[in-house]
Amino acid sequence: MSNITETQATEAQQTASTLNRAALFTPIQFGAMLLKHRIVMAPLTRSRSIQPDSVPGDLMAAYYAQRATDGGFIISEATNISKTSRGWLGSPGLYSKQQVAGWKQVVAGVHAKGGQMFAQLWHTGRSSHVSMTGGETPVSASVDPAYWQNPSHLASTPDGWVQPSPHRALTVAEIALIVEDYRQAAARALEAGFEGVELHAANGYLVDQFLQDGSNKRTDEYGGSVEHRSRFLLEVVAAMTSVWGGDRVGVRLGPSGTWNGMSDSNPQALFTHVAAQLNQFGLAYLHLIEPRVKGSEVVLEHQGAIAAEQMRTIFQGKIIAAGGFEPDTAETIVANGTADAVAFGRHFIANPDLPRRIREGLPLAAYDRNTFYTFDAHGYTDYPFYNGNA
């Protein structure tokens, strides 16, 4: 009969799990930040800001504070840079004093738990509806009627999920104004107390609409060649780094991503060019969404981390990989050097103590997709910590 107690057996199991995932729990420097571990909370649209002014409130503050309990790195949900950039009911903004005050409360709660947090800056572009933009026509790189006529493309509005409004192409002068909106939002994020900012340049929103030639049909300096289509992104990054410095700015890309009707004739040439150009800024990191993910769903279960593998040879800084990772696959990609950290989305929704569960080999709670984009505490702040321990 064994003399090993149940407690000793549990401790041994947890020690083995920690050793098996040692790479994920090795500290690392990301720009100006020293991270305790490599498990990042991905930016997750959750629709819980206070309406109609898109202000972060007590509910959002509680949600983020819960997920900062292990001293990790959190990237905020996509946050609008202006009223006319909105396209998703319930998403927060960074274009008013009230929003800055709301974010101060959120960030303070994260800091109190030892966490660090970037604000992800967002313009939805054509993926919007006039009820969300204050009556203004949504904008994009070019006009594509097939986009708003496609019944599978939907915007979240006060009247529910509806097809986007017809959009129009931005003028060159308007592009400069939007770059300035990004700069001002970055400055407000600094005022709110964030550690830095991330540019949302993926998932078929405005920056991605300029990047990919399926949506960008322009013939001026913002269209045509890979170099011209990358211009808007690089101008926005320059504006953001003018506020923060490169070591407190990240960029999120979706190489070969098809969400929101996106496509490109040569995605490898496009995204390797973008990654190479981003080297000039000395960024905190490049955040890559693997193309096996479309929106919030994994569509290619067995595809490897092809985006991270490709960009590792081009981008000279740190890489965060995202999209369909499990604890073991996350450990593998960090251990073999393909990525420096892994961003979890769905698992962080259902497991506020996700880093602890991964470190100790504890079971993960299941997430409920039906509550991803609703408006109250259910499916948001009511997921329990393991054994109820907060």
Protein backbone atom coordinates (compact mmCIF):
# COMPACT_ATOMS: atom_id res chain seq x y z
CA MET A 1 0.00 0.00 0.00
CA SER A 2 1.36 3.40 -0.98
CA ASN A 3 2.33 5.88 1.72
CA ILE A 4 1.70 8.85 -0.60
CA THR A 5 -1.14 10.99 0.69
CA GLU A 6 -3.83 12.48 -1.53
CA THR A 7 -2.34 15.94 -0.93
CA GLN A 8 1.12 14.76 -1.95
CA ALA A 9 -0.28 13.17 -5.09
CA THR A 10 -2.06 16.38 -6.03
CA GLU A 11 1.10 18.41 -5.43
CA ALA A 12 3.12 16.00 -7.57
CA GLN A 13 0.58 16.26 -10.39
CA GLN A 14 0.65 20.04 -10.24
CA THR A 15 4.46 20.09 -10.21
CA ALA A 16 4.55 17.86 -13.30
CA SER A 17 2.04 20.12 -15.05
CA THR A 18 4.11 23.20 -14.24
CA LEU A 19 7.23 21.55 -15.61
CA ASN A 20 5.36 20.53 -18.75
CA ARG A 21 4.36 24.15 -19.30
CA ALA A 22 7.52 25.83 -18.08
CA ALA A 23 7.93 27.97 -21.20
CA LEU A 24 4.59 29.69 -20.62
CA PHE A 25 5.67 30.71 -17.13
CA THR A 26 9.07 32.15 -17.98
CA PRO A 27 9.17 35.95 -17.51
CA ILE A 28 9.80 38.04 -20.62
CA GLN A 29 10.35 41.66 -21.58
CA PHE A 30 7.78 43.05 -24.02
CA GLY A 31 8.98 46.52 -24.93
CA ALA A 32 8.85 48.57 -21.74
CA MET A 33 6.93 45.84 -19.86
CA LEU A 34 8.30 42.92 -17.91
CA LEU A 35 5.69 40.16 -18.07
CA LYS A 36 5.41 37.57 -15.32
CA HIS A 37 4.26 34.90 -17.77
CA ARG A 38 3.40 34.38 -21.46
CA ILE A 39 -0.39 33.90 -21.17
CA VAL A 40 -2.06 37.02 -22.60
CA MET A 41 -5.73 37.94 -22.43
CA ALA A 42 -6.77 38.59 -26.02
CA PRO A 43 -8.90 41.60 -27.00
CA LEU A 44 -12.50 40.41 -26.71
CA THR A 45 -15.55 42.39 -27.80
CA ARG A 46 -18.15 41.82 -25.06
CA SER A 47 -20.69 44.68 -25.53
CA ARG A 48 -20.93 45.65 -21.84
CA SER A 49 -20.11 49.37 -21.89
CA ILE A 50 -22.77 51.81 -20.66
CA GLN A 51 -24.96 53.09 -23.47
CA PRO A 52 -25.64 55.35 -25.28
CA ASP A 53 -22.25 56.96 -24.58
CA SER A 54 -20.02 53.86 -24.75
CA VAL A 55 -18.55 54.46 -21.29
CA PRO A 56 -16.78 51.68 -19.35
CA GLY A 57 -18.62 51.16 -16.05
CA ASP A 58 -18.51 49.10 -12.88
CA LEU A 59 -19.40 45.87 -14.68
CA MET A 60 -16.47 46.18 -17.08
CA ALA A 61 -14.15 47.10 -14.22
CA ALA A 62 -15.14 43.97 -12.31
CA TYR A 63 -14.68 41.77 -15.39
CA TYR A 64 -11.15 42.93 -16.14
CA ALA A 65 -10.07 42.91 -12.49
CA GLN A 66 -11.17 39.28 -12.20
CA ARG A 67 -8.90 38.33 -15.11
CA ALA A 68 -5.89 40.19 -13.74
CA THR A 69 -5.62 37.98 -10.66
CA ASP A 70 -2.38 36.30 -11.74
CA GLY A 71 -0.49 39.46 -12.66
CA GLY A 72 -0.63 38.98 -16.42
CA PHE A 73 -0.98 41.12 -19.54
CA ILE A 74 -4.45 42.12 -20.73
CA ILE A 75 -5.29 43.68 -24.10
CA SER A 76 -8.56 45.57 -23.90
CA GLU A 77 -11.52 44.84 -26.09
CA ALA A 78 -11.60 46.80 -29.36
CA THR A 79 -12.17 50.45 -28.40
CA ASN A 80 -13.49 53.06 -30.80
CA ILE A 81 -11.40 56.14 -31.57
CA SER A 82 -14.39 58.34 -32.50
CA LYS A 83 -18.16 58.28 -32.59
CA THR A 84 -18.15 57.79 -36.36
CA SER A 85 -15.80 54.79 -36.01
CA ARG A 86 -18.38 52.78 -34.05
CA GLY A 87 -19.99 49.66 -35.48
CA TRP A 88 -20.82 47.42 -32.55
CA LEU A 89 -23.40 48.24 -29.90
CA GLY A 90 -21.94 48.14 -26.41
CA SER A 91 -18.32 48.56 -27.43
CA PRO A 92 -16.46 51.23 -25.42
CA GLY A 93 -14.73 54.32 -26.75
CA LEU A 94 -11.76 56.57 -26.09
CA TYR A 95 -13.05 59.84 -27.51
CA SER A 96 -14.67 61.54 -24.52
CA LYS A 97 -13.77 62.62 -20.98
CA GLN A 98 -16.41 60.30 -19.57
CA GLN A 99 -14.87 57.33 -21.37
CA VAL A 100 -11.40 58.23 -20.09
CA ALA A 101 -12.78 58.36 -16.55
CA GLY A 102 -14.42 54.96 -17.02
CA TRP A 103 -11.21 53.43 -18.32
CA LYS A 104 -9.27 54.88 -15.38
CA GLN A 105 -11.48 52.79 -13.09
CA VAL A 106 -10.92 49.67 -15.21
CA VAL A 107 -7.15 50.10 -15.40
CA ALA A 108 -6.88 50.85 -11.67
CA GLY A 109 -8.62 47.56 -10.92
CA VAL A 110 -6.21 45.65 -13.16
CA HIS A 111 -3.21 47.36 -11.55
CA ALA A 112 -4.52 46.55 -8.07
CA LYS A 113 -4.29 42.86 -8.97
CA GLY A 114 -0.77 43.23 -10.38
CA GLY A 115 -1.81 43.18 -14.04
CA GLN A 116 -0.75 45.33 -16.98
CA MET A 117 -3.05 46.50 -19.76
CA PHE A 118 -2.96 47.93 -23.30
CA ALA A 119 -5.91 49.65 -24.98
CA GLN A 120 -6.75 48.29 -28.41
CA LEU A 121 -7.72 51.14 -30.77
CA TRP A 122 -10.39 50.47 -33.39
CA HIS A 123 -12.22 51.93 -36.37
CA THR A 124 -14.83 49.58 -37.85
CA GLY A 125 -14.92 51.25 -41.27
CA ARG A 126 -17.52 49.76 -43.59
CA SER A 127 -18.58 47.20 -40.98
CA SER A 128 -21.10 49.58 -39.46
CA HIS A 129 -24.57 51.08 -39.64
CA VAL A 130 -25.75 54.69 -39.57
CA SER A 131 -27.50 54.06 -36.25
CA MET A 132 -24.04 53.54 -34.73
CA THR A 133 -22.15 56.40 -36.44
CA GLY A 134 -24.48 59.22 -35.45
CA GLY A 135 -26.09 59.19 -38.87
CA GLU A 136 -22.82 59.45 -40.81
CA THR A 137 -22.27 57.14 -43.78
CA PRO A 138 -19.75 54.41 -42.89
CA VAL A 139 -16.39 54.78 -44.63
CA SER A 140 -13.83 52.47 -46.18
CA ALA A 141 -10.88 52.40 -48.57
CA SER A 142 -13.22 51.86 -51.53
CA VAL A 143 -16.88 51.26 -52.27
CA ASP A 144 -18.06 47.66 -52.55
CA PRO A 145 -21.88 47.27 -52.73
CA ALA A 146 -21.51 43.49 -52.50
CA TYR A 147 -20.40 43.93 -48.90
CA TRP A 148 -23.51 45.65 -47.51
CA GLN A 149 -25.77 43.53 -49.76
CA ASN A 150 -24.42 40.27 -48.33
CA PRO A 151 -26.89 38.96 -45.70
CA SER A 152 -24.07 37.20 -43.82
CA HIS A 153 -22.47 40.55 -42.95
CA LEU A 154 -24.11 42.03 -39.86
CA ALA A 155 -23.63 44.99 -37.52
CA SER A 156 -24.77 45.10 -33.89
CA THR A 157 -27.14 48.04 -33.43
CA PRO A 158 -29.86 49.29 -31.03
CA ASP A 159 -32.31 47.45 -33.29
CA GLY A 160 -30.39 44.19 -33.15
CA TRP A 161 -28.18 42.57 -35.76
CA VAL A 162 -28.74 44.21 -39.14
CA GLN A 163 -26.93 44.39 -42.47
CA PRO A 164 -24.40 47.24 -42.69
CA SER A 165 -25.35 50.55 -44.24
CA PRO A 166 -23.94 51.46 -47.67
CA HIS A 167 -20.45 52.92 -47.25
CA ARG A 168 -18.34 55.45 -49.13
CA ALA A 169 -14.64 55.83 -49.91
CA LEU A 170 -12.52 58.17 -47.81
CA THR A 171 -10.79 61.14 -49.41
CA VAL A 172 -7.07 61.65 -48.83
CA ALA A 173 -7.83 64.63 -46.58
CA GLU A 174 -10.22 62.50 -44.49
CA ILE A 175 -7.61 59.79 -44.10
CA ALA A 176 -5.33 62.32 -42.40
CA LEU A 177 -8.14 63.25 -40.01
CA ILE A 178 -8.64 59.61 -39.03
CA VAL A 179 -4.91 59.22 -38.41
CA GLU A 180 -5.25 62.18 -36.04
CA ASP A 181 -8.22 60.45 -34.35
CA TYR A 182 -5.93 57.51 -33.63
CA ARG A 183 -3.28 59.84 -32.19
CA GLN A 184 -5.81 61.53 -29.92
CA ALA A 185 -7.22 58.19 -28.75
CA ALA A 186 -3.67 57.05 -27.97
CA ALA A 187 -3.19 60.19 -25.89
CA ARG A 188 -6.44 59.52 -24.02
CA ALA A 189 -5.26 55.97 -23.31
CA LEU A 190 -2.14 57.48 -21.75
CA GLU A 191 -4.33 59.73 -19.61
CA ALA A 192 -6.42 56.72 -18.55
CA GLY A 193 -3.38 54.95 -17.16
CA PHE A 194 -2.85 52.10 -19.64
CA GLU A 195 0.64 50.66 -20.15
CA GLY A 196 0.36 51.16 -23.91
CA VAL A 197 -1.85 50.79 -26.98
CA GLU A 198 -2.46 48.20 -29.67
CA LEU A 199 -3.65 48.95 -33.20
CA HIS A 200 -6.47 46.68 -34.37
CA ALA A 201 -5.46 46.11 -38.00
CA ALA A 202 -7.26 42.79 -38.54
CA ASN A 203 -10.68 41.13 -38.94
CA GLY A 204 -11.90 43.23 -41.85
CA TYR A 205 -12.10 46.59 -40.06
CA LEU A 206 -10.84 49.88 -41.47
CA VAL A 207 -7.07 49.32 -41.41
CA ASP A 208 -7.53 45.82 -42.86
CA GLN A 209 -9.86 47.27 -45.49
CA PHE A 210 -6.95 49.41 -46.69
CA LEU A 211 -4.44 46.55 -46.53
CA GLN A 212 -6.19 43.86 -48.54
CA ASP A 213 -6.90 44.33 -52.25
CA GLY A 214 -10.22 42.54 -52.05
CA SER A 215 -11.55 45.71 -50.40
CA ASN A 216 -9.01 48.35 -51.50
CA LYS A 217 -9.50 49.34 -55.17
CA ARG A 218 -7.99 52.81 -54.84
CA THR A 219 -5.67 54.21 -57.52
CA ASP A 220 -4.05 56.95 -55.42
CA GLU A 221 -1.18 56.76 -52.91
CA TYR A 222 -3.29 54.57 -50.60
CA GLY A 223 -4.13 51.87 -53.15
CA GLY A 224 -2.68 49.59 -55.78
CA SER A 225 0.74 48.30 -54.72
CA VAL A 226 1.48 46.57 -51.44
CA GLU A 227 3.51 49.61 -50.45
CA HIS A 228 0.62 51.99 -51.08
CA ARG A 229 -1.99 49.81 -49.37
CA SER A 230 0.25 49.62 -46.28
CA ARG A 231 0.59 53.40 -46.07
CA PHE A 232 -2.47 54.03 -43.89
CA LEU A 233 -1.44 51.42 -41.31
CA LEU A 234 2.10 52.80 -41.10
CA GLU A 235 0.82 56.37 -40.71
CA VAL A 236 -1.44 55.27 -37.85
CA VAL A 237 1.39 53.40 -36.13
CA ALA A 238 3.60 56.49 -36.49
CA ALA A 239 0.87 58.58 -34.86
CA MET A 240 0.48 56.14 -31.97
CA THR A 241 4.23 55.87 -31.37
CA SER A 242 4.49 59.67 -31.38
CA VAL A 243 2.47 59.54 -28.15
CA TRP A 244 3.85 56.40 -26.52
CA GLY A 245 7.16 55.52 -28.13
CA GLY A 246 7.50 52.26 -30.03
CA ASP A 247 8.14 50.11 -26.97
CA ARG A 248 4.61 50.71 -25.66
CA VAL A 249 2.76 50.06 -28.95
CA GLY A 250 1.62 46.76 -30.46
CA VAL A 251 -0.04 45.91 -33.78
CA ARG A 252 -2.58 43.15 -34.38
CA LEU A 253 -2.69 41.63 -37.88
CA GLY A 254 -4.76 38.82 -39.39
CA PRO A 255 -2.59 37.40 -42.22
CA SER A 256 -4.80 35.67 -44.80
CA GLY A 257 -7.85 36.44 -42.64
CA THR A 258 -11.21 36.25 -44.44
CA TRP A 259 -13.60 37.48 -41.71
CA ASN A 260 -15.89 40.36 -42.74
CA GLY A 261 -15.56 39.61 -46.43
CA MET A 262 -11.79 40.08 -46.65
CA SER A 263 -9.47 38.68 -49.32
CA ASP A 264 -6.16 39.46 -50.96
CA SER A 265 -4.59 38.32 -54.22
CA ASN A 266 -1.20 37.73 -52.60
CA PRO A 267 -1.48 37.73 -48.80
CA GLN A 268 2.05 36.42 -48.29
CA ALA A 269 3.59 39.37 -50.13
CA LEU A 270 1.31 41.83 -48.36
CA PHE A 271 1.79 40.70 -44.78
CA THR A 272 5.50 39.98 -45.01
CA HIS A 273 5.94 43.53 -46.34
CA VAL A 274 3.90 44.95 -43.48
CA ALA A 275 5.84 42.95 -40.89
CA ALA A 276 9.14 44.12 -42.36
CA GLN A 277 8.02 47.76 -42.35
CA LEU A 278 6.91 47.53 -38.73
CA ASN A 279 10.49 46.75 -37.71
CA GLN A 280 11.31 50.46 -38.00
CA PHE A 281 9.16 51.35 -34.98
CA GLY A 282 10.75 49.15 -32.29
CA LEU A 283 7.32 47.88 -31.27
CA ALA A 284 6.52 46.11 -28.02
CA TYR A 285 5.12 43.22 -30.08
CA LEU A 286 3.37 42.02 -33.22
CA HIS A 287 0.08 40.23 -32.46
CA LEU A 288 -0.95 37.66 -35.09
CA ILE A 289 -4.33 35.99 -35.58
CA GLU A 290 -3.87 32.58 -37.15
CA PRO A 291 -6.00 32.13 -40.32
CA ARG A 292 -7.46 28.89 -38.90
CA VAL A 293 -9.76 31.24 -36.96
CA LYS A 294 -12.61 33.14 -38.61
CA GLY A 295 -14.17 35.67 -36.25
CA SER A 296 -14.63 33.87 -32.92
CA GLU A 297 -14.71 30.35 -34.38
CA VAL A 298 -11.98 27.88 -35.29
CA VAL A 299 -12.64 26.75 -38.86
CA LEU A 300 -9.44 24.74 -39.51
CA GLU A 301 -8.88 22.67 -36.37
CA HIS A 302 -5.68 20.92 -37.45
CA GLN A 303 -3.87 23.78 -39.16
CA GLY A 304 -0.68 24.81 -37.39
CA ALA A 305 0.53 28.29 -36.44
CA ILE A 306 1.43 29.23 -40.00
CA ALA A 307 1.19 33.01 -39.54
CA ALA A 308 3.54 33.05 -36.56
CA GLU A 309 5.96 30.71 -38.32
CA GLN A 310 6.11 32.95 -41.37
CA MET A 311 6.37 36.26 -39.54
CA ARG A 312 9.04 35.00 -37.15
CA THR A 313 11.50 35.13 -40.04
CA ILE A 314 10.52 38.72 -40.91
CA PHE A 315 9.60 40.60 -37.74
CA GLN A 316 12.53 41.33 -35.45
CA GLY A 317 10.60 41.89 -32.22
CA LYS A 318 8.34 39.87 -29.93
CA ILE A 319 5.38 37.95 -31.35
CA ILE A 320 2.06 37.11 -29.69
CA ALA A 321 0.17 34.30 -31.42
CA ALA A 322 -3.62 34.03 -31.18
CA GLY A 323 -6.36 31.84 -32.55
CA GLY A 324 -7.56 28.45 -31.38
CA PHE A 325 -4.78 27.64 -28.90
CA GLU A 326 -5.09 25.17 -26.04
CA PRO A 327 -2.67 25.08 -23.08
CA ASP A 328 -0.50 22.34 -24.59
CA THR A 329 -0.30 23.87 -28.07
CA ALA A 330 0.47 27.23 -26.50
CA GLU A 331 3.34 25.68 -24.53
CA THR A 332 4.69 24.07 -27.70
CA ILE A 333 4.72 27.23 -29.79
CA VAL A 334 6.44 29.22 -27.04
CA ALA A 335 8.90 26.44 -26.20
CA ASN A 336 10.00 26.05 -29.82
CA GLY A 337 10.42 29.80 -30.26
CA THR A 338 7.77 30.34 -32.93
CA ALA A 339 5.99 32.84 -30.66
CA ASP A 340 6.96 34.61 -27.46
CA ALA A 341 3.49 34.55 -25.90
CA VAL A 342 0.00 33.27 -26.66
CA ALA A 343 -3.25 35.22 -26.43
CA PHE A 344 -6.29 33.30 -25.22
CA GLY A 345 -9.82 34.50 -25.88
CA ARG A 346 -12.61 31.97 -25.35
CA HIS A 347 -10.85 30.29 -22.43
CA PHE A 348 -10.26 33.62 -20.69
CA ILE A 349 -13.98 34.38 -20.98
CA ALA A 350 -14.93 31.26 -19.02
CA ASN A 351 -11.87 31.07 -16.76
CA PRO A 352 -11.05 34.32 -14.96
CA ASP A 353 -8.15 32.47 -13.30
CA LEU A 354 -6.87 30.96 -16.57
CA PRO A 355 -3.11 31.35 -15.88
CA ARG A 356 -3.45 29.52 -12.57
CA ARG A 357 -5.47 26.72 -14.17
CA ILE A 358 -2.88 26.28 -16.91
CA ARG A 359 0.04 26.43 -14.49
CA GLU A 360 -1.46 23.87 -12.09
CA GLY A 361 -3.05 21.62 -14.71
CA LEU A 362 -6.56 22.33 -13.45
CA PRO A 363 -9.62 21.64 -15.65
CA LEU A 364 -10.91 24.50 -17.77
CA ALA A 365 -14.53 25.64 -17.50
CA ALA A 366 -16.63 25.62 -20.68
CA TYR A 367 -17.61 28.89 -22.32
CA ASP A 368 -21.13 29.79 -23.47
CA ARG A 369 -21.19 31.41 -26.92
CA ASN A 370 -24.76 32.56 -26.37
CA THR A 371 -23.50 35.15 -23.87
CA PHE A 372 -20.44 36.41 -25.76
CA TYR A 373 -22.18 39.54 -27.08
CA THR A 374 -24.99 40.18 -24.64
CA PHE A 375 -25.33 43.12 -22.27
CA ASP A 376 -25.45 42.01 -18.62
CA ALA A 377 -23.43 40.18 -15.98
CA HIS A 378 -24.59 36.71 -17.03
CA GLY A 379 -21.80 34.99 -18.95
CA TYR A 380 -19.52 37.90 -18.12
CA THR A 381 -18.60 38.26 -14.45
CA ASP A 382 -20.35 35.15 -13.10
CA TYR A 383 -17.86 32.51 -14.29
CA PRO A 384 -16.36 31.06 -11.07
CA PHE A 385 -12.74 30.82 -10.06
CA TYR A 386 -11.49 27.25 -9.49
CA ASN A 387 -13.11 25.93 -6.30
CA GLY A 388 -14.73 29.34 -5.95
CA ASN A 389 -11.48 30.94 -4.80
CA ALA A 390 -11.27 34.57 -5.94
